[in-house]
Amino acid sequence: MIEVKGLSKSYGETRAVKNVSFSIGRDQVVGFLGPNGAGKTTIMKILAGFHYPSEGTAEIDGLRVDLHPVAVKEKIGYLPENVPLYGDLAVDEYLRFVAEARLIPRGRREAAIVAAMEACGLAAMRSRRIETLSKGYRQRAGLAQAILHDPPILILDEPTAGLDPNQIIEIRALIKELGRRKTVLLSSHILQEVEAICSRLLIVNKGEIAAQGAPREIAGAMKGGETWELALKAALPAEEVTRSLCRLGAEYSSARASGEGEIALSFFAPAKAEGAALGGERIFDWAAAEGYKILSMNRKKISLEDIFVRLTSGDGGAEGEPVARAQKKGGAK
């Protein structure tokens, strides 16, 4: 359904996207992840036909977006991060305007509007002015305009941004339902959301694809290792403890310190560090040698957060260089 080959986009001297290639099949929900400024929105706008690539090609259901922009837009429903709504219109008036703009035949418009409102839980709000709706219902109206013409592909940029937890759950369930019959490309900074909805990931960093595939496949392709959670008592600041841990061979470490001298660490231990595995025995020996008192030590399965941090760390964590990131609870950050 979506085929991207060698895609690049430049704005003057700035290359926002660099030689990106990926493909997405039919009826998949794919999570599009990356830090701010990584190029996600630029790629999504190219796929939706709002920007043209500087190099490479992007195809939607066999049609190049730069050669067949109108036909491509018929196959795509696009929800930008900032939904373009008209607050002075009622929900059904707004959808009627969108139906006309999309050239949906007059005889099919009302049925399409009703179907979109029912799918998005807006039937009871059809006569309400959009400016009087809650953020969650305005987001539903944005989704309704994206699916109004029943496209086979949905491109959703931060669809739950700014919503409260209940609204996030509602929109998440709606996207999951839509994904059963459509191809969905979903950009989000909420990793739990991606884990709950998406079967496949695209992780982009600095304009390039850092990894793609199912989370388990990405974790398997990364060099072996495991994540640990460690609580200890130390007289030193959390920052110094994390630096010492990284010198031992941890790739990165986040730390939270309390006023009682307790420090909670979470870190990734590569399969081999300094010629030996960084396992429980070596961690215990390190703590004893440094004079730290271990309160608890747990090995855990590598998480999506671990994968994301390793692949997108600006300090080299993706290449295996030790990276320390410490935060003091209630103190300087």
C-alpha atoms as a PDB file:
ATOM      1  CA  MET A   1       0.000   0.000   0.000  1.00  0.00           C
ATOM      2  CA  ILE A   2       2.840   2.421   0.845  1.00  0.00           C
ATOM      3  CA  GLU A   3       6.237   2.139  -0.860  1.00  0.00           C
ATOM      4  CA  VAL A   4       9.017   4.644  -0.149  1.00  0.00           C
ATOM      5  CA  LYS A   5      12.393   4.437  -1.908  1.00  0.00           C
ATOM      6  CA  GLY A   6      15.398   6.707  -1.358  1.00  0.00           C
ATOM      7  CA  LEU A   7      13.218   9.548  -0.118  1.00  0.00           C
ATOM      8  CA  SER A   8      14.950  12.835   0.729  1.00  0.00           C
ATOM      9  CA  LYS A   9      13.625  16.306   1.471  1.00  0.00           C
ATOM     10  CA  SER A  10      15.670  19.492   1.758  1.00  0.00           C
ATOM     11  CA  TYR A  11      14.694  22.966   2.895  1.00  0.00           C
ATOM     12  CA  GLY A  12      17.466  25.147   1.571  1.00  0.00           C
ATOM     13  CA  GLU A  13      20.676  23.868   3.117  1.00  0.00           C
ATOM     14  CA  THR A  14      18.819  21.733   5.664  1.00  0.00           C
ATOM     15  CA  ARG A  15      18.185  18.065   4.837  1.00  0.00           C
ATOM     16  CA  ALA A  16      15.150  17.097   6.896  1.00  0.00           C
ATOM     17  CA  VAL A  17      14.863  13.599   5.388  1.00  0.00           C
ATOM     18  CA  LYS A  18      17.812  11.563   4.115  1.00  0.00           C
ATOM     19  CA  ASN A  19      17.490   8.561   1.798  1.00  0.00           C
ATOM     20  CA  VAL A  20      14.548   6.929   3.604  1.00  0.00           C
ATOM     21  CA  SER A  21      13.110   3.627   2.337  1.00  0.00           C
ATOM     22  CA  PHE A  22      10.314   1.471   3.759  1.00  0.00           C
ATOM     23  CA  SER A  23       7.147  -0.343   2.744  1.00  0.00           C
ATOM     24  CA  ILE A  24       3.822  -0.917   4.513  1.00  0.00           C
ATOM     25  CA  GLY A  25       1.386  -3.624   3.488  1.00  0.00           C
ATOM     26  CA  ARG A  26      -2.395  -3.796   3.571  1.00  0.00           C
ATOM     27  CA  ASP A  27      -4.365  -3.681   6.853  1.00  0.00           C
ATOM     28  CA  GLN A  28      -1.421  -2.918   9.138  1.00  0.00           C
ATOM     29  CA  VAL A  29      -1.147  -0.412  11.982  1.00  0.00           C
ATOM     30  CA  VAL A  30       2.409   0.884  11.914  1.00  0.00           C
ATOM     31  CA  GLY A  31       3.896   3.114  14.594  1.00  0.00           C
ATOM     32  CA  PHE A  32       6.098   5.966  13.390  1.00  0.00           C
ATOM     33  CA  LEU A  33       8.503   6.955  16.159  1.00  0.00           C
ATOM     34  CA  GLY A  34      11.304   9.447  16.562  1.00  0.00           C
ATOM     35  CA  PRO A  35      12.398  12.434  18.636  1.00  0.00           C
ATOM     36  CA  ASN A  36      11.237  15.950  17.834  1.00  0.00           C
ATOM     37  CA  GLY A  37      12.770  17.202  14.591  1.00  0.00           C
ATOM     38  CA  ALA A  38      13.573  13.695  13.351  1.00  0.00           C
ATOM     39  CA  GLY A  39      11.610  14.154  10.093  1.00  0.00           C
ATOM     40  CA  LYS A  40       8.416  12.220  10.898  1.00  0.00           C
ATOM     41  CA  THR A  41       5.960  14.991  10.029  1.00  0.00           C
ATOM     42  CA  THR A  42       7.854  15.865   6.842  1.00  0.00           C
ATOM     43  CA  ILE A  43       7.633  12.253   5.654  1.00  0.00           C
ATOM     44  CA  MET A  44       3.929  12.073   6.509  1.00  0.00           C
ATOM     45  CA  LYS A  45       3.235  15.310   4.625  1.00  0.00           C
ATOM     46  CA  ILE A  46       5.049  13.930   1.579  1.00  0.00           C
ATOM     47  CA  LEU A  47       2.945  10.757   1.715  1.00  0.00           C
ATOM     48  CA  ALA A  48      -0.220  12.857   2.037  1.00  0.00           C
ATOM     49  CA  GLY A  49       0.766  15.005  -0.959  1.00  0.00           C
ATOM     50  CA  PHE A  50       1.352  18.254   0.935  1.00  0.00           C
ATOM     51  CA  HIS A  51       5.080  18.279   0.122  1.00  0.00           C
ATOM     52  CA  TYR A  52       6.992  16.820  -2.808  1.00  0.00           C
ATOM     53  CA  PRO A  53      10.252  14.944  -2.240  1.00  0.00           C
ATOM     54  CA  SER A  54      13.578  16.488  -3.243  1.00  0.00           C
ATOM     55  CA  GLU A  55      14.861  13.026  -4.196  1.00  0.00           C
ATOM     56  CA  GLY A  56      13.481   9.513  -4.330  1.00  0.00           C
ATOM     57  CA  THR A  57       9.899   8.322  -4.703  1.00  0.00           C
ATOM     58  CA  ALA A  58       6.848   7.696  -2.547  1.00  0.00           C
ATOM     59  CA  GLU A  59       4.017   5.535  -3.876  1.00  0.00           C
ATOM     60  CA  ILE A  60       0.512   5.060  -2.503  1.00  0.00           C
ATOM     61  CA  ASP A  61      -1.188   1.935  -3.823  1.00  0.00           C
ATOM     62  CA  GLY A  62       1.082   2.008  -6.876  1.00  0.00           C
ATOM     63  CA  LEU A  63       0.668   5.755  -7.561  1.00  0.00           C
ATOM     64  CA  ARG A  64       3.545   8.201  -7.153  1.00  0.00           C
ATOM     65  CA  VAL A  65       2.555  11.115  -4.956  1.00  0.00           C
ATOM     66  CA  ASP A  66       4.403  13.641  -7.130  1.00  0.00           C
ATOM     67  CA  LEU A  67       2.876  12.412 -10.403  1.00  0.00           C
ATOM     68  CA  HIS A  68      -0.692  11.619  -9.293  1.00  0.00           C
ATOM     69  CA  PRO A  69      -1.434  13.971  -6.361  1.00  0.00           C
ATOM     70  CA  VAL A  70      -5.220  14.054  -6.746  1.00  0.00           C
ATOM     71  CA  ALA A  71      -5.586  10.275  -7.141  1.00  0.00           C
ATOM     72  CA  VAL A  72      -3.296   9.758  -4.134  1.00  0.00           C
ATOM     73  CA  LYS A  73      -5.401  12.070  -1.964  1.00  0.00           C
ATOM     74  CA  GLU A  74      -8.460   9.980  -2.797  1.00  0.00           C
ATOM     75  CA  LYS A  75      -6.749   6.969  -1.231  1.00  0.00           C
ATOM     76  CA  ILE A  76      -5.534   8.726   1.929  1.00  0.00           C
ATOM     77  CA  GLY A  77      -7.199  10.093   5.033  1.00  0.00           C
ATOM     78  CA  TYR A  78      -4.848  12.531   6.765  1.00  0.00           C
ATOM     79  CA  LEU A  79      -5.103  13.794  10.329  1.00  0.00           C
ATOM     80  CA  PRO A  80      -2.410  16.427  10.971  1.00  0.00           C
ATOM     81  CA  GLU A  81      -1.190  17.186  14.476  1.00  0.00           C
ATOM     82  CA  ASN A  82      -3.172  20.445  14.498  1.00  0.00           C
ATOM     83  CA  VAL A  83      -6.585  19.495  13.122  1.00  0.00           C
ATOM     84  CA  PRO A  84      -8.001  22.131  10.713  1.00  0.00           C
ATOM     85  CA  LEU A  85     -11.503  22.560  12.149  1.00  0.00           C
ATOM     86  CA  TYR A  86     -13.982  25.413  11.723  1.00  0.00           C
ATOM     87  CA  GLY A  87     -15.362  26.199  15.146  1.00  0.00           C
ATOM     88  CA  ASP A  88     -18.400  28.156  13.944  1.00  0.00           C
ATOM     89  CA  LEU A  89     -19.748  25.146  12.021  1.00  0.00           C
ATOM     90  CA  ALA A  90     -21.771  22.287  13.459  1.00  0.00           C
ATOM     91  CA  VAL A  91     -20.219  18.839  13.148  1.00  0.00           C
ATOM     92  CA  ASP A  92     -22.470  17.785  10.274  1.00  0.00           C
ATOM     93  CA  GLU A  93     -21.950  21.135   8.505  1.00  0.00           C
ATOM     94  CA  TYR A  94     -18.199  20.753   8.757  1.00  0.00           C
ATOM     95  CA  LEU A  95     -18.306  17.202   7.400  1.00  0.00           C
ATOM     96  CA  ARG A  96     -20.613  18.325   4.610  1.00  0.00           C
ATOM     97  CA  PHE A  97     -18.069  20.982   3.652  1.00  0.00           C
ATOM     98  CA  VAL A  98     -15.291  18.357   3.648  1.00  0.00           C
ATOM     99  CA  ALA A  99     -17.462  16.013   1.547  1.00  0.00           C
ATOM    100  CA  GLU A 100     -17.953  18.739  -1.048  1.00  0.00           C
ATOM    101  CA  ALA A 101     -14.248  19.590  -1.057  1.00  0.00           C
ATOM    102  CA  ARG A 102     -13.438  15.919  -1.611  1.00  0.00           C
ATOM    103  CA  LEU A 103     -15.912  15.796  -4.505  1.00  0.00           C
ATOM    104  CA  ILE A 104     -17.960  13.006  -2.977  1.00  0.00           C
ATOM    105  CA  PRO A 105     -21.016  12.654  -5.273  1.00  0.00           C
ATOM    106  CA  ARG A 106     -24.053  14.518  -3.937  1.00  0.00           C
ATOM    107  CA  GLY A 107     -26.126  11.345  -3.708  1.00  0.00           C
ATOM    108  CA  ARG A 108     -23.549   9.674  -1.431  1.00  0.00           C
ATOM    109  CA  ARG A 109     -22.648  12.592   0.829  1.00  0.00           C
ATOM    110  CA  GLU A 110     -25.245  12.186   3.552  1.00  0.00           C
ATOM    111  CA  ALA A 111     -24.623   8.454   3.874  1.00  0.00           C
ATOM    112  CA  ALA A 112     -20.861   9.081   4.071  1.00  0.00           C
ATOM    113  CA  ILE A 113     -21.354  11.760   6.762  1.00  0.00           C
ATOM    114  CA  VAL A 114     -23.591   9.503   8.848  1.00  0.00           C
ATOM    115  CA  ALA A 115     -21.182   6.570   8.524  1.00  0.00           C
ATOM    116  CA  ALA A 116     -18.184   8.715   9.560  1.00  0.00           C
ATOM    117  CA  MET A 117     -20.028  10.171  12.561  1.00  0.00           C
ATOM    118  CA  GLU A 118     -21.170   6.738  13.721  1.00  0.00           C
ATOM    119  CA  ALA A 119     -17.681   5.273  13.337  1.00  0.00           C
ATOM    120  CA  CYS A 120     -16.220   8.123  15.414  1.00  0.00           C
ATOM    121  CA  GLY A 121     -18.981   8.287  18.034  1.00  0.00           C
ATOM    122  CA  LEU A 122     -20.224  11.690  16.897  1.00  0.00           C
ATOM    123  CA  ALA A 123     -23.865  10.930  16.075  1.00  0.00           C
ATOM    124  CA  ALA A 124     -25.138  12.651  19.235  1.00  0.00           C
ATOM    125  CA  MET A 125     -22.994  15.709  18.486  1.00  0.00           C
ATOM    126  CA  ARG A 126     -23.942  16.280  14.864  1.00  0.00           C
ATOM    127  CA  SER A 127     -25.778  19.563  15.566  1.00  0.00           C
ATOM    128  CA  ARG A 128     -23.259  20.910  18.075  1.00  0.00           C
ATOM    129  CA  ARG A 129     -20.908  23.688  16.999  1.00  0.00           C
ATOM    130  CA  ILE A 130     -17.337  22.456  16.944  1.00  0.00           C
ATOM    131  CA  GLU A 131     -16.098  25.278  19.173  1.00  0.00           C
ATOM    132  CA  THR A 132     -18.350  23.978  21.979  1.00  0.00           C
ATOM    133  CA  LEU A 133     -16.939  20.441  21.836  1.00  0.00           C
ATOM    134  CA  SER A 134     -14.350  19.012  24.201  1.00  0.00           C
ATOM    135  CA  LYS A 135     -10.835  18.371  22.920  1.00  0.00           C
ATOM    136  CA  GLY A 136     -11.655  14.659  22.629  1.00  0.00           C
ATOM    137  CA  TYR A 137     -14.716  15.258  20.474  1.00  0.00           C
ATOM    138  CA  ARG A 138     -12.859  17.766  18.316  1.00  0.00           C
ATOM    139  CA  GLN A 139     -10.242  15.074  17.740  1.00  0.00           C
ATOM    140  CA  ARG A 140     -13.061  12.693  16.795  1.00  0.00           C
ATOM    141  CA  ALA A 141     -14.306  15.281  14.285  1.00  0.00           C
ATOM    142  CA  GLY A 142     -10.795  15.390  12.810  1.00  0.00           C
ATOM    143  CA  LEU A 143     -10.793  11.614  12.476  1.00  0.00           C
ATOM    144  CA  ALA A 144     -14.256  11.726  10.915  1.00  0.00           C
ATOM    145  CA  GLN A 145     -13.042  14.067   8.162  1.00  0.00           C
ATOM    146  CA  ALA A 146     -10.074  11.737   7.567  1.00  0.00           C
ATOM    147  CA  ILE A 147     -12.272   8.670   7.010  1.00  0.00           C
ATOM    148  CA  LEU A 148     -15.210  10.464   5.372  1.00  0.00           C
ATOM    149  CA  HIS A 149     -14.349   9.278   1.857  1.00  0.00           C
ATOM    150  CA  ASP A 150     -13.578   5.748   3.153  1.00  0.00           C
ATOM    151  CA  PRO A 151      -9.892   5.731   2.155  1.00  0.00           C
ATOM    152  CA  PRO A 152      -7.871   2.510   2.411  1.00  0.00           C
ATOM    153  CA  ILE A 153      -4.974   4.356   4.103  1.00  0.00           C
ATOM    154  CA  LEU A 154      -4.939   6.602   7.184  1.00  0.00           C
ATOM    155  CA  ILE A 155      -2.001   8.833   8.146  1.00  0.00           C
ATOM    156  CA  LEU A 156      -2.390  10.088  11.706  1.00  0.00           C
ATOM    157  CA  ASP A 157       0.071  12.588  13.196  1.00  0.00           C
ATOM    158  CA  GLU A 158      -0.091  12.635  17.027  1.00  0.00           C
ATOM    159  CA  PRO A 159      -3.832  11.786  17.134  1.00  0.00           C
ATOM    160  CA  THR A 160      -4.032  11.812  20.950  1.00  0.00           C
ATOM    161  CA  ALA A 161      -1.896  14.905  21.629  1.00  0.00           C
ATOM    162  CA  GLY A 162      -3.366  17.034  24.406  1.00  0.00           C
ATOM    163  CA  LEU A 163      -6.103  14.583  25.387  1.00  0.00           C
ATOM    164  CA  ASP A 164      -6.856  13.443  28.923  1.00  0.00           C
ATOM    165  CA  PRO A 165      -6.406   9.739  29.840  1.00  0.00           C
ATOM    166  CA  ASN A 166     -10.065   8.831  29.219  1.00  0.00           C
ATOM    167  CA  GLN A 167     -10.052  10.563  25.822  1.00  0.00           C
ATOM    168  CA  ILE A 168      -6.787   8.835  24.905  1.00  0.00           C
ATOM    169  CA  ILE A 169      -8.329   5.434  25.649  1.00  0.00           C
ATOM    170  CA  GLU A 170     -11.366   6.266  23.484  1.00  0.00           C
ATOM    171  CA  ILE A 171      -9.347   7.512  20.501  1.00  0.00           C
ATOM    172  CA  ARG A 172      -6.916   4.601  20.850  1.00  0.00           C
ATOM    173  CA  ALA A 173      -9.784   2.088  20.696  1.00  0.00           C
ATOM    174  CA  LEU A 174     -11.203   3.868  17.645  1.00  0.00           C
ATOM    175  CA  ILE A 175      -7.850   3.745  15.811  1.00  0.00           C
ATOM    176  CA  LYS A 176      -7.438   0.084  16.671  1.00  0.00           C
ATOM    177  CA  GLU A 177     -10.880  -0.665  15.229  1.00  0.00           C
ATOM    178  CA  LEU A 178     -10.114   1.297  12.050  1.00  0.00           C
ATOM    179  CA  GLY A 179      -6.847  -0.632  11.703  1.00  0.00           C
ATOM    180  CA  ARG A 180      -8.748  -3.873  11.231  1.00  0.00           C
ATOM    181  CA  ARG A 181      -9.863  -2.761   7.783  1.00  0.00           C
ATOM    182  CA  LYS A 182      -7.399  -0.012   6.813  1.00  0.00           C
ATOM    183  CA  THR A 183      -3.667   0.586   6.644  1.00  0.00           C
ATOM    184  CA  VAL A 184      -2.728   3.044   9.375  1.00  0.00           C
ATOM    185  CA  LEU A 185       0.528   4.983   9.798  1.00  0.00           C
ATOM    186  CA  LEU A 186       0.493   6.435  13.302  1.00  0.00           C
ATOM    187  CA  SER A 187       2.951   8.969  14.692  1.00  0.00           C
ATOM    188  CA  SER A 188       3.044   9.285  18.478  1.00  0.00           C
ATOM    189  CA  HIS A 189       5.362  10.197  21.337  1.00  0.00           C
ATOM    190  CA  ILE A 190       3.372   7.978  23.704  1.00  0.00           C
ATOM    191  CA  LEU A 191       5.222   4.677  23.619  1.00  0.00           C
ATOM    192  CA  GLN A 192       2.515   2.829  25.560  1.00  0.00           C
ATOM    193  CA  GLU A 193       0.061   3.876  22.872  1.00  0.00           C
ATOM    194  CA  VAL A 194       2.260   2.489  20.109  1.00  0.00           C
ATOM    195  CA  GLU A 195       2.716  -0.787  21.989  1.00  0.00           C
ATOM    196  CA  ALA A 196      -1.056  -1.087  22.491  1.00  0.00           C
ATOM    197  CA  ILE A 197      -2.038  -0.370  18.871  1.00  0.00           C
ATOM    198  CA  CYS A 198       0.803  -1.115  16.465  1.00  0.00           C
ATOM    199  CA  SER A 199       2.101  -4.423  15.168  1.00  0.00           C
ATOM    200  CA  ARG A 200       5.113  -2.869  13.420  1.00  0.00           C
ATOM    201  CA  LEU A 201       7.431   0.087  13.991  1.00  0.00           C
ATOM    202  CA  LEU A 202       9.355   2.609  11.942  1.00  0.00           C
ATOM    203  CA  ILE A 203      11.893   4.489  14.052  1.00  0.00           C
ATOM    204  CA  VAL A 204      13.414   7.572  12.478  1.00  0.00           C
ATOM    205  CA  ASN A 205      16.304   9.632  13.810  1.00  0.00           C
ATOM    206  CA  LYS A 206      17.951  12.697  12.268  1.00  0.00           C
ATOM    207  CA  GLY A 207      16.027  12.210   9.045  1.00  0.00           C
ATOM    208  CA  GLU A 208      17.005   8.562   8.588  1.00  0.00           C
ATOM    209  CA  ILE A 209      15.369   5.221   9.364  1.00  0.00           C
ATOM    210  CA  ALA A 210      17.093   3.845  12.467  1.00  0.00           C
ATOM    211  CA  ALA A 211      15.086   0.598  12.569  1.00  0.00           C
ATOM    212  CA  GLN A 212      11.911  -0.988  11.236  1.00  0.00           C
ATOM    213  CA  GLY A 213       9.952  -4.148  11.924  1.00  0.00           C
ATOM    214  CA  ALA A 214       8.056  -5.711  14.811  1.00  0.00           C
ATOM    215  CA  PRO A 215       9.368  -4.649  18.240  1.00  0.00           C
ATOM    216  CA  ARG A 216      10.639  -8.189  18.875  1.00  0.00           C
ATOM    217  CA  GLU A 217      12.462  -8.204  15.527  1.00  0.00           C
ATOM    218  CA  ILE A 218      14.100  -4.846  16.243  1.00  0.00           C
ATOM    219  CA  ALA A 219      15.186  -5.987  19.693  1.00  0.00           C
ATOM    220  CA  GLY A 220      16.610  -9.177  18.200  1.00  0.00           C
ATOM    221  CA  ALA A 221      18.518  -7.272  15.514  1.00  0.00           C
ATOM    222  CA  MET A 222      20.157  -5.066  18.124  1.00  0.00           C
ATOM    223  CA  LYS A 223      23.211  -6.536  19.771  1.00  0.00           C
ATOM    224  CA  GLY A 224      22.400  -8.838  22.646  1.00  0.00           C
ATOM    225  CA  GLY A 225      21.992  -7.678  26.181  1.00  0.00           C
ATOM    226  CA  GLU A 226      19.431  -7.058  28.874  1.00  0.00           C
ATOM    227  CA  THR A 227      17.952  -4.270  30.918  1.00  0.00           C
ATOM    228  CA  TRP A 228      18.286  -3.962  34.667  1.00  0.00           C
ATOM    229  CA  GLU A 229      16.621  -2.068  37.468  1.00  0.00           C
ATOM    230  CA  LEU A 230      18.878  -1.444  40.436  1.00  0.00           C
ATOM    231  CA  ALA A 231      18.182   0.331  43.734  1.00  0.00           C
ATOM    232  CA  LEU A 232      21.108   1.156  45.968  1.00  0.00           C
ATOM    233  CA  LYS A 233      22.364   3.458  48.710  1.00  0.00           C
ATOM    234  CA  ALA A 234      25.335   5.683  47.956  1.00  0.00           C
ATOM    235  CA  ALA A 235      26.932   8.764  49.451  1.00  0.00           C
ATOM    236  CA  LEU A 236      27.710  10.099  45.974  1.00  0.00           C
ATOM    237  CA  PRO A 237      25.352  12.089  43.696  1.00  0.00           C
ATOM    238  CA  ALA A 238      23.300  10.096  41.183  1.00  0.00           C
ATOM    239  CA  GLU A 239      25.279  11.565  38.291  1.00  0.00           C
ATOM    240  CA  GLU A 240      28.561  10.143  39.601  1.00  0.00           C
ATOM    241  CA  VAL A 241      27.010   6.724  40.194  1.00  0.00           C
ATOM    242  CA  THR A 242      25.691   6.594  36.602  1.00  0.00           C
ATOM    243  CA  ARG A 243      29.065   7.646  35.202  1.00  0.00           C
ATOM    244  CA  SER A 244      30.730   4.853  37.159  1.00  0.00           C
ATOM    245  CA  LEU A 245      28.134   2.372  35.921  1.00  0.00           C
ATOM    246  CA  CYS A 246      28.674   3.414  32.309  1.00  0.00           C
ATOM    247  CA  ARG A 247      32.424   2.996  32.710  1.00  0.00           C
ATOM    248  CA  LEU A 248      31.660  -0.557  33.763  1.00  0.00           C
ATOM    249  CA  GLY A 249      30.009  -1.114  30.370  1.00  0.00           C
ATOM    250  CA  ALA A 250      26.347  -0.032  30.596  1.00  0.00           C
ATOM    251  CA  GLU A 251      25.203   1.675  27.415  1.00  0.00           C
ATOM    252  CA  TYR A 252      23.003   4.212  29.146  1.00  0.00           C
ATOM    253  CA  SER A 253      21.565   4.782  32.566  1.00  0.00           C
ATOM    254  CA  SER A 254      18.747   6.879  33.955  1.00  0.00           C
ATOM    255  CA  ALA A 255      18.721   7.577  37.672  1.00  0.00           C
ATOM    256  CA  ARG A 256      16.350   8.979  40.262  1.00  0.00           C
ATOM    257  CA  ALA A 257      17.723   9.988  43.650  1.00  0.00           C
ATOM    258  CA  SER A 258      15.851  10.611  46.895  1.00  0.00           C
ATOM    259  CA  GLY A 259      16.970  12.635  49.888  1.00  0.00           C
ATOM    260  CA  GLU A 260      17.784   9.512  51.905  1.00  0.00           C
ATOM    261  CA  GLY A 261      20.746   8.599  49.717  1.00  0.00           C
ATOM    262  CA  GLU A 262      18.775   6.005  47.753  1.00  0.00           C
ATOM    263  CA  ILE A 263      19.225   5.884  43.981  1.00  0.00           C
ATOM    264  CA  ALA A 264      17.027   3.991  41.510  1.00  0.00           C
ATOM    265  CA  LEU A 265      18.866   3.084  38.287  1.00  0.00           C
ATOM    266  CA  SER A 266      17.563   1.698  35.021  1.00  0.00           C
ATOM    267  CA  PHE A 267      20.163   0.716  32.443  1.00  0.00           C
ATOM    268  CA  PHE A 268      20.995  -1.530  29.478  1.00  0.00           C
ATOM    269  CA  ALA A 269      23.804  -4.051  29.820  1.00  0.00           C
ATOM    270  CA  PRO A 270      25.298  -5.273  26.512  1.00  0.00           C
ATOM    271  CA  ALA A 271      26.003  -8.973  26.112  1.00  0.00           C
ATOM    272  CA  LYS A 272      29.722  -8.221  26.361  1.00  0.00           C
ATOM    273  CA  ALA A 273      31.398  -5.287  27.979  1.00  0.00           C
ATOM    274  CA  GLU A 274      35.156  -4.993  28.484  1.00  0.00           C
ATOM    275  CA  GLY A 275      35.466  -8.625  27.467  1.00  0.00           C
ATOM    276  CA  ALA A 276      32.976 -10.012  29.972  1.00  0.00           C
ATOM    277  CA  ALA A 277      29.203 -10.178  30.240  1.00  0.00           C
ATOM    278  CA  LEU A 278      27.733  -7.439  32.435  1.00  0.00           C
ATOM    279  CA  GLY A 279      25.563  -9.789  34.470  1.00  0.00           C
ATOM    280  CA  GLY A 280      24.295  -9.816  38.018  1.00  0.00           C
ATOM    281  CA  GLU A 281      27.530 -11.058  39.592  1.00  0.00           C
ATOM    282  CA  ARG A 282      29.617  -8.343  37.916  1.00  0.00           C
ATOM    283  CA  ILE A 283      27.109  -5.640  38.878  1.00  0.00           C
ATOM    284  CA  PHE A 284      27.169  -6.883  42.483  1.00  0.00           C
ATOM    285  CA  ASP A 285      30.994  -6.858  42.532  1.00  0.00           C
ATOM    286  CA  TRP A 286      31.035  -3.322  41.113  1.00  0.00           C
ATOM    287  CA  ALA A 287      28.654  -2.061  43.797  1.00  0.00           C
ATOM    288  CA  ALA A 288      30.672  -3.722  46.557  1.00  0.00           C
ATOM    289  CA  ALA A 289      33.944  -2.290  45.237  1.00  0.00           C
ATOM    290  CA  GLU A 290      32.452   1.209  45.079  1.00  0.00           C
ATOM    291  CA  GLY A 291      30.998   0.922  48.557  1.00  0.00           C
ATOM    292  CA  TYR A 292      27.351   1.028  47.435  1.00  0.00           C
ATOM    293  CA  LYS A 293      24.696  -0.931  49.323  1.00  0.00           C
ATOM    294  CA  ILE A 294      22.365  -2.798  46.939  1.00  0.00           C
ATOM    295  CA  LEU A 295      18.716  -2.657  48.013  1.00  0.00           C
ATOM    296  CA  SER A 296      17.234  -4.524  45.042  1.00  0.00           C
ATOM    297  CA  MET A 297      18.350  -5.743  41.615  1.00  0.00           C
ATOM    298  CA  ASN A 298      16.005  -6.977  38.874  1.00  0.00           C
ATOM    299  CA  ARG A 299      16.615  -8.096  35.313  1.00  0.00           C
ATOM    300  CA  LYS A 300      13.785  -7.275  32.900  1.00  0.00           C
ATOM    301  CA  LYS A 301      12.781  -7.762  29.289  1.00  0.00           C
ATOM    302  CA  ILE A 302      13.951  -5.086  26.868  1.00  0.00           C
ATOM    303  CA  SER A 303      11.133  -2.559  26.416  1.00  0.00           C
ATOM    304  CA  LEU A 304      10.067  -0.262  23.597  1.00  0.00           C
ATOM    305  CA  GLU A 305      11.427   2.624  25.647  1.00  0.00           C
ATOM    306  CA  ASP A 306      14.822   0.893  25.827  1.00  0.00           C
ATOM    307  CA  ILE A 307      14.804   0.372  22.055  1.00  0.00           C
ATOM    308  CA  PHE A 308      13.772   3.976  21.397  1.00  0.00           C
ATOM    309  CA  VAL A 309      16.442   5.466  23.659  1.00  0.00           C
ATOM    310  CA  ARG A 310      19.209   3.283  22.260  1.00  0.00           C
ATOM    311  CA  LEU A 311      18.333   4.102  18.659  1.00  0.00           C
ATOM    312  CA  THR A 312      17.649   7.822  18.997  1.00  0.00           C
ATOM    313  CA  SER A 313      20.018   8.975  21.732  1.00  0.00           C
ATOM    314  CA  GLY A 314      21.796  12.096  20.580  1.00  0.00           C
ATOM    315  CA  ASP A 315      24.921  11.105  22.494  1.00  0.00           C
ATOM    316  CA  GLY A 316      25.736   7.924  20.661  1.00  0.00           C
ATOM    317  CA  GLY A 317      23.718   5.336  22.561  1.00  0.00           C
ATOM    318  CA  ALA A 318      22.595   3.695  19.328  1.00  0.00           C
ATOM    319  CA  GLU A 319      26.200   2.967  18.401  1.00  0.00           C
ATOM    320  CA  GLY A 320      27.006   1.376  21.735  1.00  0.00           C
ATOM    321  CA  GLU A 321      28.816   4.310  23.417  1.00  0.00           C
ATOM    322  CA  PRO A 322      28.059   4.641  27.118  1.00  0.00           C
ATOM    323  CA  VAL A 323      25.569   7.408  27.776  1.00  0.00           C
ATOM    324  CA  ALA A 324      24.648   8.627  31.262  1.00  0.00           C
ATOM    325  CA  ARG A 325      21.394  10.491  31.829  1.00  0.00           C
ATOM    326  CA  ALA A 326      20.726  11.240  35.484  1.00  0.00           C
ATOM    327  CA  GLN A 327      17.848  13.120  37.046  1.00  0.00           C
ATOM    328  CA  LYS A 328      17.577  14.031  40.688  1.00  0.00           C
ATOM    329  CA  LYS A 329      14.102  13.895  42.100  1.00  0.00           C
ATOM    330  CA  GLY A 330      13.358  17.174  43.844  1.00  0.00           C
ATOM    331  CA  GLY A 331      16.765  18.620  42.969  1.00  0.00           C
ATOM    332  CA  ALA A 332      18.655  20.027  40.015  1.00  0.00           C
ATOM    333  CA  LYS A 333      18.040  18.378  36.675  1.00  0.00           C
END
